[in-house]
């Protein structure tokens, strides 16, 4: 029995992490505006966080451009691929 799926399935957890990061960034900015001290240091820290996030997204995008996401990944259990002589 073989298990096969496309490489693009691995993007689902990555997009979930991106959505969580975007939600936390949104909450951070909202709390900074409503409850936090609006000083230059707090805005610079938020800007550094968002700039780092954008840098990571750009680096990921440029690194994964050449990947064929429709390429199948086939997983075969070891018992099915063992030679007949090694089976008990």
N, C-alpha and C. Protein backbone atom coordinates (compact mmCIF):
# COMPACT_ATOMS: atom_id res chain seq x y z
N UNK A 1 0.85 -1.18 0.00
CA UNK A 1 0.00 0.00 0.00
C UNK A 1 0.90 1.24 0.00
N UNK A 2 0.67 2.12 -0.94
CA UNK A 2 1.48 3.33 -1.05
C UNK A 2 0.62 4.56 -0.75
N UNK A 3 1.25 5.52 -0.13
CA UNK A 3 0.60 6.79 0.16
C UNK A 3 1.23 7.83 -0.75
N UNK A 4 0.40 8.57 -1.47
CA UNK A 4 0.91 9.57 -2.40
C UNK A 4 0.12 10.87 -2.23
N UNK A 5 0.85 11.98 -2.19
CA UNK A 5 0.21 13.29 -2.13
C UNK A 5 1.12 14.30 -2.83
N UNK A 6 0.52 15.42 -3.21
CA UNK A 6 1.30 16.46 -3.89
C UNK A 6 2.11 17.25 -2.88
N UNK A 7 3.21 17.79 -3.34
CA UNK A 7 4.09 18.58 -2.49
C UNK A 7 3.40 19.83 -1.95
N UNK A 8 2.43 20.35 -2.69
CA UNK A 8 1.70 21.54 -2.28
C UNK A 8 0.92 21.37 -0.99
N UNK A 9 0.66 20.12 -0.58
CA UNK A 9 -0.05 19.87 0.67
C UNK A 9 0.76 20.40 1.85
N UNK A 10 2.08 20.43 1.70
CA UNK A 10 2.93 20.92 2.79
C UNK A 10 2.80 22.43 2.99
N UNK A 11 2.19 23.12 2.05
CA UNK A 11 1.99 24.55 2.21
C UNK A 11 0.86 24.89 3.19
N UNK A 12 -0.02 23.95 3.45
CA UNK A 12 -1.16 24.20 4.34
C UNK A 12 -0.68 24.58 5.75
N UNK A 13 0.22 23.81 6.38
CA UNK A 13 0.70 24.24 7.70
C UNK A 13 1.43 25.58 7.65
N UNK A 14 2.16 25.83 6.56
CA UNK A 14 2.86 27.11 6.43
C UNK A 14 1.86 28.27 6.38
N UNK A 15 0.78 28.11 5.63
CA UNK A 15 -0.22 29.17 5.56
C UNK A 15 -0.94 29.34 6.89
N UNK A 16 -1.11 28.26 7.64
CA UNK A 16 -1.71 28.39 8.97
C UNK A 16 -0.81 29.20 9.91
N UNK A 17 0.49 28.97 9.82
CA UNK A 17 1.43 29.75 10.62
C UNK A 17 1.42 31.21 10.18
N UNK A 18 1.33 31.45 8.87
CA UNK A 18 1.25 32.83 8.37
C UNK A 18 -0.01 33.53 8.87
N UNK A 19 -1.13 32.81 8.86
CA UNK A 19 -2.38 33.41 9.35
C UNK A 19 -2.28 33.73 10.85
N UNK A 20 -1.68 32.83 11.62
CA UNK A 20 -1.50 33.09 13.05
C UNK A 20 -0.58 34.27 13.30
N UNK A 21 0.50 34.36 12.53
CA UNK A 21 1.42 35.49 12.67
C UNK A 21 0.73 36.80 12.30
N UNK A 22 -0.07 36.80 11.25
CA UNK A 22 -0.79 38.01 10.85
C UNK A 22 -1.79 38.42 11.93
N UNK A 23 -2.48 37.44 12.51
CA UNK A 23 -3.44 37.76 13.58
C UNK A 23 -2.74 38.34 14.80
N UNK A 24 -1.62 37.75 15.19
CA UNK A 24 -0.89 38.27 16.34
C UNK A 24 -0.31 39.66 16.07
N UNK A 25 0.15 39.90 14.85
CA UNK A 25 0.65 41.23 14.50
C UNK A 25 -0.49 42.26 14.56
N UNK A 26 -1.66 41.87 14.07
CA UNK A 26 -2.81 42.77 14.12
C UNK A 26 -3.18 43.10 15.57
N UNK A 27 -3.23 42.08 16.43
CA UNK A 27 -3.54 42.32 17.84
C UNK A 27 -2.48 43.18 18.50
N UNK A 28 -1.23 42.97 18.13
CA UNK A 28 -0.13 43.76 18.68
C UNK A 28 -0.31 45.23 18.34
N UNK A 29 -0.60 45.52 17.09
CA UNK A 29 -0.77 46.91 16.66
C UNK A 29 -2.00 47.53 17.32
N UNK A 30 -3.10 46.78 17.39
CA UNK A 30 -4.31 47.31 18.01
C UNK A 30 -4.09 47.60 19.50
N UNK A 31 -3.44 46.72 20.21
CA UNK A 31 -3.19 46.96 21.62
C UNK A 31 -2.20 48.09 21.83
N UNK A 32 -1.25 48.22 20.93
CA UNK A 32 -0.30 49.31 21.03
C UNK A 32 -1.00 50.66 20.85
N UNK A 33 -1.92 50.72 19.93
CA UNK A 33 -2.64 51.98 19.68
C UNK A 33 -3.61 52.30 20.82
N UNK A 34 -4.37 51.30 21.28
CA UNK A 34 -5.42 51.56 22.27
C UNK A 34 -4.92 51.59 23.71
N UNK A 35 -3.98 50.72 24.07
CA UNK A 35 -3.62 50.58 25.47
C UNK A 35 -2.17 50.92 25.77
N UNK A 36 -1.33 50.84 24.78
CA UNK A 36 0.09 50.99 25.03
C UNK A 36 0.55 52.43 25.01
N UNK A 37 1.74 52.57 25.41
CA UNK A 37 2.38 53.88 25.37
C UNK A 37 2.83 54.12 23.93
N UNK A 38 2.41 55.21 23.36
CA UNK A 38 2.74 55.49 21.97
C UNK A 38 4.03 56.30 21.91
N UNK A 39 5.12 55.63 22.20
CA UNK A 39 6.42 56.28 22.14
C UNK A 39 7.15 55.83 20.88
N UNK A 40 8.26 56.48 20.62
CA UNK A 40 9.04 56.11 19.44
C UNK A 40 9.62 54.71 19.57
N UNK A 41 9.96 54.31 20.79
CA UNK A 41 10.54 52.99 21.01
C UNK A 41 9.53 51.89 20.70
N UNK A 42 8.29 52.05 21.15
CA UNK A 42 7.28 51.03 20.89
C UNK A 42 6.96 50.93 19.40
N UNK A 43 6.91 52.05 18.71
CA UNK A 43 6.66 52.00 17.27
C UNK A 43 7.85 51.43 16.52
N UNK A 44 9.06 51.71 16.98
CA UNK A 44 10.24 51.14 16.32
C UNK A 44 10.30 49.63 16.55
N UNK A 45 9.93 49.16 17.72
CA UNK A 45 9.91 47.72 17.98
C UNK A 45 8.87 47.03 17.10
N UNK A 46 7.70 47.65 16.97
CA UNK A 46 6.67 47.08 16.11
C UNK A 46 7.12 47.10 14.66
N UNK A 47 7.74 48.18 14.23
CA UNK A 47 8.25 48.26 12.86
C UNK A 47 9.31 47.20 12.61
N UNK A 48 10.21 46.97 13.57
CA UNK A 48 11.25 45.95 13.42
C UNK A 48 10.63 44.56 13.32
N UNK A 49 9.60 44.30 14.11
CA UNK A 49 8.90 43.01 14.05
C UNK A 49 8.25 42.81 12.69
N UNK A 50 7.53 43.82 12.21
CA UNK A 50 6.87 43.70 10.91
C UNK A 50 7.87 43.64 9.77
N UNK A 51 8.96 44.40 9.86
CA UNK A 51 9.99 44.35 8.82
C UNK A 51 10.66 42.98 8.78
N UNK A 52 10.90 42.39 9.95
CA UNK A 52 11.46 41.04 9.99
C UNK A 52 10.53 40.01 9.38
N UNK A 53 9.23 40.17 9.64
CA UNK A 53 8.24 39.27 9.06
C UNK A 53 8.22 39.39 7.54
N UNK A 54 8.24 40.61 7.04
CA UNK A 54 8.26 40.83 5.59
C UNK A 54 9.54 40.26 4.98
N UNK A 55 10.67 40.42 5.66
CA UNK A 55 11.93 39.87 5.17
C UNK A 55 11.86 38.34 5.08
N UNK A 56 11.31 37.70 6.10
CA UNK A 56 11.19 36.24 6.08
C UNK A 56 10.26 35.79 4.96
N UNK A 57 9.15 36.50 4.76
CA UNK A 57 8.23 36.15 3.68
C UNK A 57 8.90 36.31 2.31
N UNK A 58 9.64 37.38 2.12
CA UNK A 58 10.32 37.60 0.84
C UNK A 58 11.39 36.53 0.61
N UNK A 59 12.17 36.20 1.64
CA UNK A 59 13.21 35.18 1.51
C UNK A 59 12.59 33.82 1.18
N UNK A 60 11.49 33.49 1.84
CA UNK A 60 10.80 32.23 1.56
C UNK A 60 10.28 32.20 0.14
N UNK A 61 9.65 33.28 -0.29
CA UNK A 61 9.11 33.36 -1.64
C UNK A 61 10.21 33.22 -2.69
N UNK A 62 11.33 33.90 -2.49
CA UNK A 62 12.40 33.83 -3.48
C UNK A 62 13.09 32.46 -3.46
N UNK A 63 13.13 31.80 -2.33
CA UNK A 63 13.76 30.48 -2.25
C UNK A 63 12.89 29.38 -2.87
N UNK A 64 11.59 29.51 -2.77
CA UNK A 64 10.68 28.46 -3.22
C UNK A 64 10.09 28.70 -4.60
N UNK A 65 10.59 29.67 -5.33
CA UNK A 65 10.04 29.98 -6.65
C UNK A 65 10.16 28.82 -7.63
N UNK A 66 11.26 28.11 -7.63
CA UNK A 66 11.49 27.07 -8.62
C UNK A 66 10.92 25.71 -8.27
N UNK A 67 10.17 25.60 -7.20
CA UNK A 67 9.64 24.31 -6.76
C UNK A 67 8.37 23.98 -7.54
N UNK A 68 8.30 22.74 -8.05
CA UNK A 68 7.08 22.27 -8.70
C UNK A 68 6.16 21.69 -7.62
N UNK A 69 5.14 22.44 -7.25
CA UNK A 69 4.27 22.07 -6.14
C UNK A 69 3.30 20.95 -6.51
N UNK A 70 3.24 20.56 -7.80
CA UNK A 70 2.39 19.45 -8.22
C UNK A 70 3.14 18.13 -8.25
N UNK A 71 4.42 18.14 -7.90
CA UNK A 71 5.23 16.94 -7.86
C UNK A 71 4.70 16.00 -6.77
N UNK A 72 4.40 14.74 -7.11
CA UNK A 72 3.89 13.83 -6.08
C UNK A 72 5.00 13.31 -5.18
N UNK A 73 4.63 13.10 -3.93
CA UNK A 73 5.50 12.45 -2.96
C UNK A 73 4.88 11.09 -2.69
N UNK A 74 5.67 10.04 -2.88
CA UNK A 74 5.18 8.68 -2.69
C UNK A 74 5.87 8.10 -1.45
N UNK A 75 5.07 7.64 -0.52
CA UNK A 75 5.58 7.01 0.70
C UNK A 75 5.16 5.54 0.66
N UNK A 76 6.16 4.67 0.70
CA UNK A 76 5.91 3.23 0.67
C UNK A 76 6.41 2.64 1.98
N UNK A 77 5.59 1.84 2.65
CA UNK A 77 6.06 1.19 3.89
C UNK A 77 7.25 0.29 3.62
N UNK A 78 8.20 0.20 4.54
CA UNK A 78 9.39 -0.62 4.31
C UNK A 78 9.10 -2.10 4.10
N UNK A 79 8.03 -2.63 4.69
CA UNK A 79 7.73 -4.04 4.56
C UNK A 79 7.39 -4.42 3.12
N UNK A 80 6.84 -3.49 2.36
CA UNK A 80 6.47 -3.78 0.98
C UNK A 80 7.64 -3.68 0.03
N UNK A 81 8.72 -3.04 0.45
CA UNK A 81 9.87 -2.87 -0.45
C UNK A 81 11.02 -3.81 -0.10
N UNK A 82 10.89 -4.59 0.96
CA UNK A 82 11.97 -5.49 1.37
C UNK A 82 12.07 -6.66 0.39
N UNK A 83 13.28 -7.14 0.12
CA UNK A 83 13.41 -8.31 -0.75
C UNK A 83 12.74 -9.52 -0.14
N UNK A 84 12.31 -10.43 -0.98
CA UNK A 84 11.58 -11.62 -0.51
C UNK A 84 12.45 -12.50 0.37
N UNK A 85 13.76 -12.50 0.16
CA UNK A 85 14.63 -13.37 0.94
C UNK A 85 14.75 -12.89 2.39
N UNK A 86 14.55 -11.61 2.65
CA UNK A 86 14.70 -11.11 4.00
C UNK A 86 13.42 -11.18 4.82
N UNK A 87 12.32 -11.59 4.20
CA UNK A 87 11.06 -11.69 4.94
C UNK A 87 11.05 -12.99 5.74
N UNK A 88 10.47 -13.00 6.94
CA UNK A 88 10.46 -14.24 7.76
C UNK A 88 9.53 -15.29 7.18
